[in-house]
C-alpha atoms as a PDB file:
ATOM      1  CA  UNK A   1     -24.736  19.321  35.120  1.00  0.00           C
ATOM      2  CA  UNK A   2     -27.924  20.432  36.844  1.00  0.00           C
ATOM      3  CA  UNK A   3     -26.208  23.631  37.972  1.00  0.00           C
ATOM      4  CA  UNK A   4     -25.411  24.617  34.387  1.00  0.00           C
ATOM      5  CA  UNK A   5     -29.081  24.369  33.405  1.00  0.00           C
ATOM      6  CA  UNK A   6     -29.914  27.371  35.569  1.00  0.00           C
ATOM      7  CA  UNK A   7     -28.211  30.635  34.679  1.00  0.00           C
ATOM      8  CA  UNK A   8     -29.453  32.321  37.874  1.00  0.00           C
ATOM      9  CA  UNK A   9     -27.879  29.607  40.017  1.00  0.00           C
ATOM     10  CA  UNK A  10     -24.514  30.081  38.321  1.00  0.00           C
ATOM     11  CA  UNK A  11     -24.802  33.852  38.660  1.00  0.00           C
ATOM     12  CA  UNK A  12     -25.614  33.529  42.371  1.00  0.00           C
ATOM     13  CA  UNK A  13     -22.601  31.297  42.924  1.00  0.00           C
ATOM     14  CA  UNK A  14     -20.385  33.741  41.042  1.00  0.00           C
ATOM     15  CA  UNK A  15     -21.703  36.686  43.076  1.00  0.00           C
ATOM     16  CA  UNK A  16     -20.651  34.920  46.276  1.00  0.00           C
ATOM     17  CA  UNK A  17     -17.149  34.183  45.024  1.00  0.00           C
ATOM     18  CA  UNK A  18     -15.363  37.202  46.502  1.00  0.00           C
ATOM     19  CA  UNK A  19     -17.268  37.726  49.737  1.00  0.00           C
ATOM     20  CA  UNK A  20     -20.161  36.327  51.745  1.00  0.00           C
ATOM     21  CA  UNK A  21     -23.524  37.973  51.133  1.00  0.00           C
ATOM     22  CA  UNK A  22     -26.900  37.981  52.833  1.00  0.00           C
ATOM     23  CA  UNK A  23     -30.134  37.254  50.963  1.00  0.00           C
ATOM     24  CA  UNK A  24     -30.996  40.913  50.317  1.00  0.00           C
ATOM     25  CA  UNK A  25     -27.452  41.757  49.255  1.00  0.00           C
ATOM     26  CA  UNK A  26     -27.519  38.906  46.750  1.00  0.00           C
ATOM     27  CA  UNK A  27     -30.920  40.007  45.490  1.00  0.00           C
ATOM     28  CA  UNK A  28     -29.673  43.563  44.967  1.00  0.00           C
ATOM     29  CA  UNK A  29     -26.492  42.393  43.235  1.00  0.00           C
ATOM     30  CA  UNK A  30     -28.316  40.119  40.793  1.00  0.00           C
ATOM     31  CA  UNK A  31     -31.504  42.147  40.321  1.00  0.00           C
ATOM     32  CA  UNK A  32     -33.655  39.036  40.808  1.00  0.00           C
ATOM     33  CA  UNK A  33     -36.914  38.640  42.690  1.00  0.00           C
ATOM     34  CA  UNK A  34     -37.012  36.912  46.098  1.00  0.00           C
ATOM     35  CA  UNK A  35     -38.429  33.677  44.664  1.00  0.00           C
ATOM     36  CA  UNK A  36     -35.565  33.372  42.190  1.00  0.00           C
ATOM     37  CA  UNK A  37     -32.989  34.026  44.916  1.00  0.00           C
ATOM     38  CA  UNK A  38     -34.651  31.517  47.247  1.00  0.00           C
ATOM     39  CA  UNK A  39     -34.639  28.814  44.546  1.00  0.00           C
ATOM     40  CA  UNK A  40     -30.991  29.454  43.739  1.00  0.00           C
ATOM     41  CA  UNK A  41     -29.913  29.409  47.394  1.00  0.00           C
ATOM     42  CA  UNK A  42     -31.924  26.261  48.111  1.00  0.00           C
ATOM     43  CA  UNK A  43     -30.340  24.429  45.179  1.00  0.00           C
ATOM     44  CA  UNK A  44     -26.830  25.657  45.974  1.00  0.00           C
ATOM     45  CA  UNK A  45     -27.135  24.759  49.688  1.00  0.00           C
ATOM     46  CA  UNK A  46     -28.437  21.258  48.986  1.00  0.00           C
ATOM     47  CA  UNK A  47     -25.557  20.572  46.597  1.00  0.00           C
ATOM     48  CA  UNK A  48     -23.025  22.028  49.039  1.00  0.00           C
ATOM     49  CA  UNK A  49     -22.010  24.607  46.433  1.00  0.00           C
ATOM     50  CA  UNK A  50     -22.479  27.263  49.114  1.00  0.00           C
ATOM     51  CA  UNK A  51     -22.351  27.240  52.898  1.00  0.00           C
ATOM     52  CA  UNK A  52     -24.735  29.304  55.041  1.00  0.00           C
ATOM     53  CA  UNK A  53     -23.376  30.860  58.210  1.00  0.00           C
ATOM     54  CA  UNK A  54     -25.736  32.108  60.900  1.00  0.00           C
ATOM     55  CA  UNK A  55     -24.968  34.931  63.289  1.00  0.00           C
ATOM     56  CA  UNK A  56     -27.020  36.689  65.925  1.00  0.00           C
ATOM     57  CA  UNK A  57     -28.511  39.961  64.742  1.00  0.00           C
ATOM     58  CA  UNK A  58     -30.301  42.774  66.499  1.00  0.00           C
ATOM     59  CA  UNK A  59     -32.957  41.643  68.910  1.00  0.00           C
ATOM     60  CA  UNK A  60     -33.964  38.043  68.279  1.00  0.00           C
ATOM     61  CA  UNK A  61     -33.082  38.124  64.587  1.00  0.00           C
ATOM     62  CA  UNK A  62     -30.672  35.663  63.067  1.00  0.00           C
ATOM     63  CA  UNK A  63     -28.548  36.875  60.170  1.00  0.00           C
ATOM     64  CA  UNK A  64     -27.538  34.361  57.497  1.00  0.00           C
ATOM     65  CA  UNK A  65     -24.578  34.939  55.195  1.00  0.00           C
ATOM     66  CA  UNK A  66     -23.822  32.666  52.275  1.00  0.00           C
ATOM     67  CA  UNK A  67     -20.317  31.895  51.062  1.00  0.00           C
ATOM     68  CA  UNK A  68     -18.863  29.597  48.427  1.00  0.00           C
ATOM     69  CA  UNK A  69     -18.017  26.083  49.634  1.00  0.00           C
ATOM     70  CA  UNK A  70     -15.177  23.894  48.397  1.00  0.00           C
ATOM     71  CA  UNK A  71     -17.375  22.319  45.736  1.00  0.00           C
ATOM     72  CA  UNK A  72     -18.416  25.779  44.554  1.00  0.00           C
ATOM     73  CA  UNK A  73     -14.797  26.947  44.435  1.00  0.00           C
ATOM     74  CA  UNK A  74     -13.859  23.983  42.254  1.00  0.00           C
ATOM     75  CA  UNK A  75     -16.782  24.666  39.917  1.00  0.00           C
ATOM     76  CA  UNK A  76     -15.943  28.364  39.588  1.00  0.00           C
ATOM     77  CA  UNK A  77     -12.331  27.620  38.791  1.00  0.00           C
ATOM     78  CA  UNK A  78     -13.349  25.153  36.081  1.00  0.00           C
ATOM     79  CA  UNK A  79     -16.049  27.476  34.760  1.00  0.00           C
ATOM     80  CA  UNK A  80     -13.547  30.322  34.336  1.00  0.00           C
ATOM     81  CA  UNK A  81     -11.212  28.022  32.419  1.00  0.00           C
ATOM     82  CA  UNK A  82     -14.113  26.947  30.216  1.00  0.00           C
ATOM     83  CA  UNK A  83     -15.113  30.577  29.619  1.00  0.00           C
ATOM     84  CA  UNK A  84     -11.582  31.561  28.635  1.00  0.00           C
ATOM     85  CA  UNK A  85     -11.356  28.648  26.202  1.00  0.00           C
ATOM     86  CA  UNK A  86     -14.740  29.535  24.701  1.00  0.00           C
ATOM     87  CA  UNK A  87     -13.624  33.137  24.172  1.00  0.00           C
ATOM     88  CA  UNK A  88     -10.559  31.933  22.263  1.00  0.00           C
ATOM     89  CA  UNK A  89     -12.805  29.843  20.001  1.00  0.00           C
ATOM     90  CA  UNK A  90     -15.445  32.513  19.442  1.00  0.00           C
ATOM     91  CA  UNK A  91     -15.364  32.104  15.656  1.00  0.00           C
ATOM     92  CA  UNK A  92     -16.026  28.362  15.839  1.00  0.00           C
ATOM     93  CA  UNK A  93     -18.618  28.521  18.620  1.00  0.00           C
ATOM     94  CA  UNK A  94     -20.449  31.617  17.505  1.00  0.00           C
ATOM     95  CA  UNK A  95     -20.338  35.165  18.783  1.00  0.00           C
ATOM     96  CA  UNK A  96     -23.797  35.113  20.394  1.00  0.00           C
ATOM     97  CA  UNK A  97     -23.116  31.880  22.282  1.00  0.00           C
ATOM     98  CA  UNK A  98     -19.853  33.197  23.686  1.00  0.00           C
ATOM     99  CA  UNK A  99     -21.488  36.543  24.525  1.00  0.00           C
ATOM    100  CA  UNK A 100     -24.207  34.706  26.460  1.00  0.00           C
ATOM    101  CA  UNK A 101     -21.568  32.834  28.430  1.00  0.00           C
ATOM    102  CA  UNK A 102     -19.661  36.043  29.132  1.00  0.00           C
ATOM    103  CA  UNK A 103     -22.855  37.753  30.318  1.00  0.00           C
ATOM    104  CA  UNK A 104     -22.794  35.494  33.360  1.00  0.00           C
ATOM    105  CA  UNK A 105     -19.665  37.281  34.536  1.00  0.00           C
ATOM    106  CA  UNK A 106     -21.362  40.671  34.682  1.00  0.00           C
END
C-alpha cells in the first residue's frame, strides 16, 4: 500500500518495466529532479520492487542499472488489471479519477 501513496514511485517502476535504466536515463524519462529519483529508487530497492545491477564503467566508475524485480513484475501486472477495470467503470468512478490513474501510464 505504501507504494501506491507515491505517484513518482509507481511511475519509476513503470518506466523500468520494459528495459533496465540508469539513474540519469530514469530522470530524463520521468522529468523529475535528482532528489525525487533518489527517493523513488531507495524505496523501490528496499522493498525489492527493483533490482540494481552494477557494471564496471570507464575508468574507475561503476555503472548501476535498475530493472524490475519479481515483486515489481507482480505489482505491475496487477496494476494494469486494476487500471483496465477502472477505465471500464469510468462513469461510476469519475472521469477525473480515472484520468489521473491513466496519467501514470504516460
